[in-house]
């Protein structure tokens, strides 16, 4: 019983537990890294590693975001793992390093990691600000009136497991896609000679079949993927293996399902050589608590 421990034993005991906790965190990150490399999250009905962490592992949005960012930061700079293990680097700082590396070209990433170790969040932010060569990302806030919120809620009922921002993104994607198709009808009557070219008619047919939703299926759950964002046209049978661009051979997949299909087709190692397996979905939204209440943030796109 902890209550029966002496003061000295209590402090000594928690030091041991903290050390064990750091080791467990490293093991969790190792698992996430391998799951991401294999795109295994798709088999469990999750379109991304972030969704796998929230749906399957039951992390909160903010907890999942930090772990996903840290996993990707370790891929970019392996020394980060050792610094987390010895306690000199927090998960929060590791996650912020990932975002900074994405937006800035740093020649000696390991040196920067060493430089931010043991520093407070404010100190790290000031260091990044002094080194940043890019302007801060463009951000703006919109307050929606009640009648628009009701419309958004009504539309959102047709989008399973999507946040409000994802619903807005889906609607914008659909509008842009329809506009591009309409423009193609007016300006293009010639068909590309490339075997990979997908005609407007095939795209329209596939869109109608897919109903603005990923057509991937989970072999474990037996259910269709619920993702409605980052949808891409994919050849069921690759062109290199004799496939064509007919309606029957074209499907619409989300980023995760598309990457998983590529892993199955050419293997994890070749994907890693190409660099494709390190890519991430365009945007992953999550909620975080701020001084002014709940605010949407996002995981930036991979490169």
Protein backbone atom coordinates (compact mmCIF):
# COMPACT_ATOMS: atom_id res chain seq x y z
CA UNK A 1 0.00 0.00 0.00
CA UNK A 2 1.36 3.41 -1.01
CA UNK A 3 -0.08 5.06 2.10
CA UNK A 4 2.19 2.93 4.31
CA UNK A 5 5.41 3.98 2.54
CA UNK A 6 7.78 6.40 4.22
CA UNK A 7 8.46 9.79 2.62
CA UNK A 8 11.81 8.54 1.33
CA UNK A 9 10.29 5.34 -0.07
CA UNK A 10 7.47 7.31 -1.72
CA UNK A 11 9.84 9.63 -3.59
CA UNK A 12 12.16 6.74 -4.53
CA UNK A 13 9.16 4.75 -5.76
CA UNK A 14 7.77 7.49 -8.01
CA UNK A 15 11.22 8.01 -9.58
CA UNK A 16 11.21 4.34 -10.58
CA UNK A 17 7.67 4.63 -11.99
CA UNK A 18 8.56 7.75 -13.98
CA UNK A 19 11.51 5.91 -15.49
CA UNK A 20 9.23 3.00 -16.38
CA UNK A 21 6.70 5.46 -17.84
CA UNK A 22 9.31 6.93 -20.18
CA UNK A 23 10.23 3.45 -21.38
CA UNK A 24 6.59 2.62 -22.03
CA UNK A 25 6.17 5.85 -24.03
CA UNK A 26 9.10 4.84 -26.23
CA UNK A 27 7.55 1.41 -26.78
CA UNK A 28 4.21 3.01 -27.71
CA UNK A 29 5.97 5.26 -30.24
CA UNK A 30 7.79 2.23 -31.69
CA UNK A 31 4.45 0.47 -32.18
CA UNK A 32 2.89 3.54 -33.79
CA UNK A 33 5.87 3.94 -36.12
CA UNK A 34 5.57 0.35 -37.35
CA UNK A 35 1.78 0.57 -37.69
CA UNK A 36 2.22 3.74 -39.73
CA UNK A 37 4.87 2.13 -41.94
CA UNK A 38 2.61 -0.83 -42.71
CA UNK A 39 -0.48 1.40 -43.01
CA UNK A 40 -2.10 -1.14 -40.70
CA UNK A 41 -4.61 1.42 -39.42
CA UNK A 42 -6.56 1.00 -42.66
CA UNK A 43 -7.32 -2.64 -41.81
CA UNK A 44 -9.10 -1.41 -38.69
CA UNK A 45 -11.33 1.01 -40.53
CA UNK A 46 -9.25 4.11 -39.76
CA UNK A 47 -8.20 6.30 -42.71
CA UNK A 48 -5.13 7.63 -40.87
CA UNK A 49 -2.85 6.95 -37.93
CA UNK A 50 -4.50 9.85 -36.11
CA UNK A 51 -7.96 8.28 -36.48
CA UNK A 52 -6.53 4.91 -35.38
CA UNK A 53 -5.27 6.54 -32.19
CA UNK A 54 -8.64 8.12 -31.40
CA UNK A 55 -10.98 5.34 -32.55
CA UNK A 56 -9.06 2.18 -31.69
CA UNK A 57 -6.62 3.27 -28.97
CA UNK A 58 -9.13 5.70 -27.44
CA UNK A 59 -6.74 8.63 -27.08
CA UNK A 60 -8.25 12.10 -26.95
CA UNK A 61 -7.77 14.23 -30.06
CA UNK A 62 -4.97 16.25 -28.47
CA UNK A 63 -3.20 13.15 -27.08
CA UNK A 64 -3.39 11.45 -30.47
CA UNK A 65 -2.08 14.54 -32.29
CA UNK A 66 0.98 14.80 -30.04
CA UNK A 67 1.83 11.11 -30.48
CA UNK A 68 1.37 11.16 -34.25
CA UNK A 69 3.51 14.29 -34.60
CA UNK A 70 6.18 12.80 -32.33
CA UNK A 71 6.21 9.56 -34.35
CA UNK A 72 6.77 11.54 -37.54
CA UNK A 73 9.42 13.71 -35.85
CA UNK A 74 11.35 10.56 -34.90
CA UNK A 75 11.28 9.46 -38.55
CA UNK A 76 12.86 12.75 -39.54
CA UNK A 77 15.40 12.82 -36.70
CA UNK A 78 15.94 9.51 -34.82
CA UNK A 79 17.90 11.23 -32.01
CA UNK A 80 14.56 12.54 -30.73
CA UNK A 81 13.70 9.05 -29.49
CA UNK A 82 16.81 8.92 -27.29
CA UNK A 83 16.12 12.36 -25.88
CA UNK A 84 12.55 11.37 -24.95
CA UNK A 85 13.88 8.20 -23.37
CA UNK A 86 16.39 10.01 -21.13
CA UNK A 87 13.77 12.60 -20.15
CA UNK A 88 15.45 15.66 -21.65
CA UNK A 89 12.77 16.10 -24.34
CA UNK A 90 9.01 16.12 -23.77
CA UNK A 91 6.43 14.79 -26.22
CA UNK A 92 5.06 18.31 -26.60
CA UNK A 93 8.45 19.69 -27.67
CA UNK A 94 9.06 16.70 -29.97
CA UNK A 95 5.70 17.34 -31.64
CA UNK A 96 6.54 21.02 -32.11
CA UNK A 97 9.86 20.01 -33.69
CA UNK A 98 7.94 18.01 -36.30
CA UNK A 99 5.87 21.05 -37.28
CA UNK A 100 8.97 23.27 -37.38
CA UNK A 101 10.93 20.83 -39.56
CA UNK A 102 8.02 20.69 -42.01
CA UNK A 103 7.96 24.44 -42.51
CA UNK A 104 11.69 25.18 -42.41
CA UNK A 105 14.82 23.73 -44.00
CA UNK A 106 17.22 22.94 -41.18
CA UNK A 107 20.62 21.57 -42.19
CA UNK A 108 21.56 20.19 -38.76
CA UNK A 109 18.35 18.90 -37.20
CA UNK A 110 20.16 16.95 -34.49
CA UNK A 111 21.90 20.12 -33.29
CA UNK A 112 18.54 21.89 -32.97
CA UNK A 113 17.13 18.95 -31.02
CA UNK A 114 20.05 19.20 -28.60
CA UNK A 115 19.49 22.95 -28.33
CA UNK A 116 15.82 22.69 -27.26
CA UNK A 117 16.31 19.83 -24.79
CA UNK A 118 15.38 20.77 -21.24
CA UNK A 119 13.83 24.10 -22.23
CA UNK A 120 10.36 25.37 -21.46
CA UNK A 121 7.65 25.62 -24.11
CA UNK A 122 8.03 29.41 -24.18
CA UNK A 123 11.79 29.15 -24.68
CA UNK A 124 11.33 26.62 -27.49
CA UNK A 125 8.77 28.87 -29.17
CA UNK A 126 11.19 31.81 -29.05
CA UNK A 127 13.99 29.66 -30.53
CA UNK A 128 11.75 28.57 -33.40
CA UNK A 129 10.69 32.16 -34.01
CA UNK A 130 14.30 33.33 -34.25
CA UNK A 131 15.22 30.54 -36.67
CA UNK A 132 12.10 30.55 -38.81
CA UNK A 133 12.58 31.63 -42.42
CA UNK A 134 8.93 31.28 -43.34
CA UNK A 135 6.00 33.50 -42.34
CA UNK A 136 3.57 31.98 -39.85
CA UNK A 137 0.72 29.95 -41.41
CA UNK A 138 -2.30 31.98 -42.46
CA UNK A 139 -5.10 31.60 -39.93
CA UNK A 140 -8.45 33.25 -39.47
CA UNK A 141 -11.48 32.66 -37.31
CA UNK A 142 -15.13 32.67 -38.29
CA UNK A 143 -18.10 32.98 -35.97
CA UNK A 144 -21.08 31.22 -37.54
CA UNK A 145 -24.59 32.48 -36.75
CA UNK A 146 -27.12 30.04 -35.33
CA UNK A 147 -29.00 29.45 -38.59
CA UNK A 148 -25.76 28.41 -40.37
CA UNK A 149 -24.80 26.13 -37.49
CA UNK A 150 -28.16 24.38 -37.80
CA UNK A 151 -27.61 23.90 -41.55
CA UNK A 152 -24.11 22.54 -40.90
CA UNK A 153 -25.47 20.16 -38.30
CA UNK A 154 -28.15 18.92 -40.70
CA UNK A 155 -25.63 18.35 -43.50
CA UNK A 156 -23.22 16.72 -41.04
CA UNK A 157 -25.69 13.89 -40.44
CA UNK A 158 -24.74 12.55 -43.87
CA UNK A 159 -21.02 12.52 -43.00
CA UNK A 160 -20.21 9.73 -40.57
CA UNK A 161 -17.61 10.50 -37.90
CA UNK A 162 -16.59 13.83 -39.45
CA UNK A 163 -15.86 17.01 -37.54
CA UNK A 164 -17.49 20.28 -38.56
CA UNK A 165 -14.30 21.36 -40.35
CA UNK A 166 -14.10 18.04 -42.21
CA UNK A 167 -17.74 18.47 -43.33
CA UNK A 168 -16.90 21.95 -44.65
CA UNK A 169 -13.83 20.55 -46.42
CA UNK A 170 -15.92 17.77 -48.00
CA UNK A 171 -18.46 20.28 -49.30
CA UNK A 172 -15.73 22.53 -50.72
CA UNK A 173 -14.00 19.54 -52.35
CA UNK A 174 -17.27 18.48 -53.94
CA UNK A 175 -17.94 21.97 -55.28
CA UNK A 176 -14.42 22.31 -56.71
CA UNK A 177 -14.66 18.85 -58.29
CA UNK A 178 -18.00 19.64 -59.93
CA UNK A 179 -16.67 22.96 -61.19
CA UNK A 180 -13.60 21.29 -62.71
CA UNK A 181 -15.78 18.66 -64.40
CA UNK A 182 -18.04 21.36 -65.82
CA UNK A 183 -15.01 23.26 -67.09
CA UNK A 184 -13.64 20.08 -68.70
CA UNK A 185 -16.93 19.56 -70.55
CA UNK A 186 -16.68 23.02 -72.12
CA UNK A 187 -13.00 23.20 -72.95
CA UNK A 188 -11.83 19.65 -73.63
CA UNK A 189 -12.98 17.27 -76.30
CA UNK A 190 -9.67 15.46 -76.75
CA UNK A 191 -8.66 12.40 -74.79
CA UNK A 192 -5.13 11.88 -73.51
CA UNK A 193 -3.20 9.00 -75.02
CA UNK A 194 -1.77 8.08 -71.61
CA UNK A 195 -3.04 4.78 -70.21
CA UNK A 196 -3.29 6.43 -66.81
CA UNK A 197 -5.65 9.10 -68.10
CA UNK A 198 -9.12 8.84 -66.56
CA UNK A 199 -11.88 10.27 -68.72
CA UNK A 200 -14.51 12.64 -67.42
CA UNK A 201 -17.20 10.03 -68.04
CA UNK A 202 -15.36 7.43 -65.95
CA UNK A 203 -14.82 9.93 -63.12
CA UNK A 204 -18.50 10.85 -63.10
CA UNK A 205 -19.49 7.18 -63.02
CA UNK A 206 -17.06 6.41 -60.19
CA UNK A 207 -18.21 9.49 -58.24
CA UNK A 208 -21.82 8.37 -58.55
CA UNK A 209 -20.94 4.88 -57.32
CA UNK A 210 -18.72 6.09 -54.48
CA UNK A 211 -21.17 8.73 -53.24
CA UNK A 212 -18.34 11.00 -52.01
CA UNK A 213 -16.92 8.31 -49.73
CA UNK A 214 -13.85 6.07 -49.76
CA UNK A 215 -14.49 2.68 -51.39
CA UNK A 216 -11.90 0.85 -49.31
CA UNK A 217 -12.94 -2.08 -47.09
CA UNK A 218 -11.39 -3.28 -43.86
CA UNK A 219 -10.48 -6.99 -43.97
CA UNK A 220 -10.74 -7.11 -40.17
CA UNK A 221 -14.03 -5.29 -39.54
CA UNK A 222 -15.56 -6.17 -42.91
CA UNK A 223 -16.87 -2.62 -43.12
CA UNK A 224 -16.39 0.10 -45.69
CA UNK A 225 -14.04 3.00 -44.88
CA UNK A 226 -15.93 6.01 -43.52
CA UNK A 227 -13.50 8.67 -44.78
CA UNK A 228 -14.88 11.45 -46.97
CA UNK A 229 -11.77 13.64 -47.14
CA UNK A 230 -8.55 13.39 -49.17
CA UNK A 231 -10.25 11.15 -51.76
CA UNK A 232 -8.16 10.06 -54.76
CA UNK A 233 -8.80 8.06 -57.93
CA UNK A 234 -6.93 4.75 -57.86
CA UNK A 235 -6.39 1.91 -60.33
CA UNK A 236 -7.62 -1.33 -58.77
CA UNK A 237 -5.29 -3.28 -61.02
CA UNK A 238 -2.15 -1.17 -61.61
CA UNK A 239 -1.35 -0.08 -65.16
CA UNK A 240 2.04 -1.79 -64.81
CA UNK A 241 0.23 -5.11 -64.24
CA UNK A 242 -2.11 -4.78 -67.19
CA UNK A 243 -4.83 -2.63 -65.65
CA UNK A 244 -6.76 0.04 -67.55
CA UNK A 245 -8.68 3.21 -66.77
CA UNK A 246 -12.17 1.79 -67.15
CA UNK A 247 -14.97 2.37 -64.65
CA UNK A 248 -14.57 -1.19 -63.34
CA UNK A 249 -10.85 -0.67 -62.65
CA UNK A 250 -11.08 2.81 -61.11
CA UNK A 251 -12.07 3.30 -57.51
CA UNK A 252 -12.06 6.23 -55.11
CA UNK A 253 -9.87 5.82 -52.04
CA UNK A 254 -8.85 8.07 -49.18
CA UNK A 255 -5.16 8.78 -48.69
CA UNK A 256 -4.73 6.00 -46.11
CA UNK A 257 -6.48 3.30 -48.14
CA UNK A 258 -4.55 4.35 -51.25
CA UNK A 259 -1.24 4.07 -49.41
CA UNK A 260 -2.24 0.69 -47.95
CA UNK A 261 -3.07 -0.56 -51.44
CA UNK A 262 0.37 0.58 -52.62
CA UNK A 263 2.04 -1.21 -49.69
CA UNK A 264 0.24 -4.43 -50.67
CA UNK A 265 1.17 -4.00 -54.33
CA UNK A 266 4.88 -3.19 -54.03
CA UNK A 267 5.77 -3.91 -50.39
CA UNK A 268 6.72 -1.77 -47.39
CA UNK A 269 10.43 -1.57 -48.21
CA UNK A 270 9.88 -0.19 -51.72
CA UNK A 271 7.38 2.29 -50.32
CA UNK A 272 9.99 3.48 -47.84
CA UNK A 273 12.56 3.80 -50.63
CA UNK A 274 10.16 5.96 -52.60
CA UNK A 275 9.40 8.01 -49.54
CA UNK A 276 5.68 7.44 -50.00
CA UNK A 277 5.24 5.68 -46.70
CA UNK A 278 6.31 8.78 -44.80
CA UNK A 279 3.55 10.91 -46.23
CA UNK A 280 0.61 11.92 -44.10
CA UNK A 281 -2.96 12.97 -44.89
CA UNK A 282 -3.43 16.59 -45.99
CA UNK A 283 -5.01 17.77 -42.77
CA UNK A 284 -5.93 16.11 -39.48
CA UNK A 285 -8.17 18.25 -37.31
CA UNK A 286 -8.32 17.94 -33.56
CA UNK A 287 -9.69 19.98 -30.66
CA UNK A 288 -7.47 21.45 -27.99
CA UNK A 289 -8.19 23.46 -24.87
CA UNK A 290 -6.99 27.08 -24.94
CA UNK A 291 -7.39 30.05 -22.62
CA UNK A 292 -10.41 31.14 -24.63
CA UNK A 293 -12.05 27.71 -24.83
CA UNK A 294 -11.99 24.86 -27.36
CA UNK A 295 -10.17 25.58 -30.61
CA UNK A 296 -9.55 23.54 -33.74
CA UNK A 297 -5.94 22.85 -34.65
CA UNK A 298 -4.44 20.58 -37.28
CA UNK A 299 -1.57 18.27 -38.10
CA UNK A 300 0.21 19.83 -41.10
CA UNK A 301 0.62 17.85 -44.35
CA UNK A 302 3.53 15.52 -44.88
CA UNK A 303 6.09 16.16 -47.61
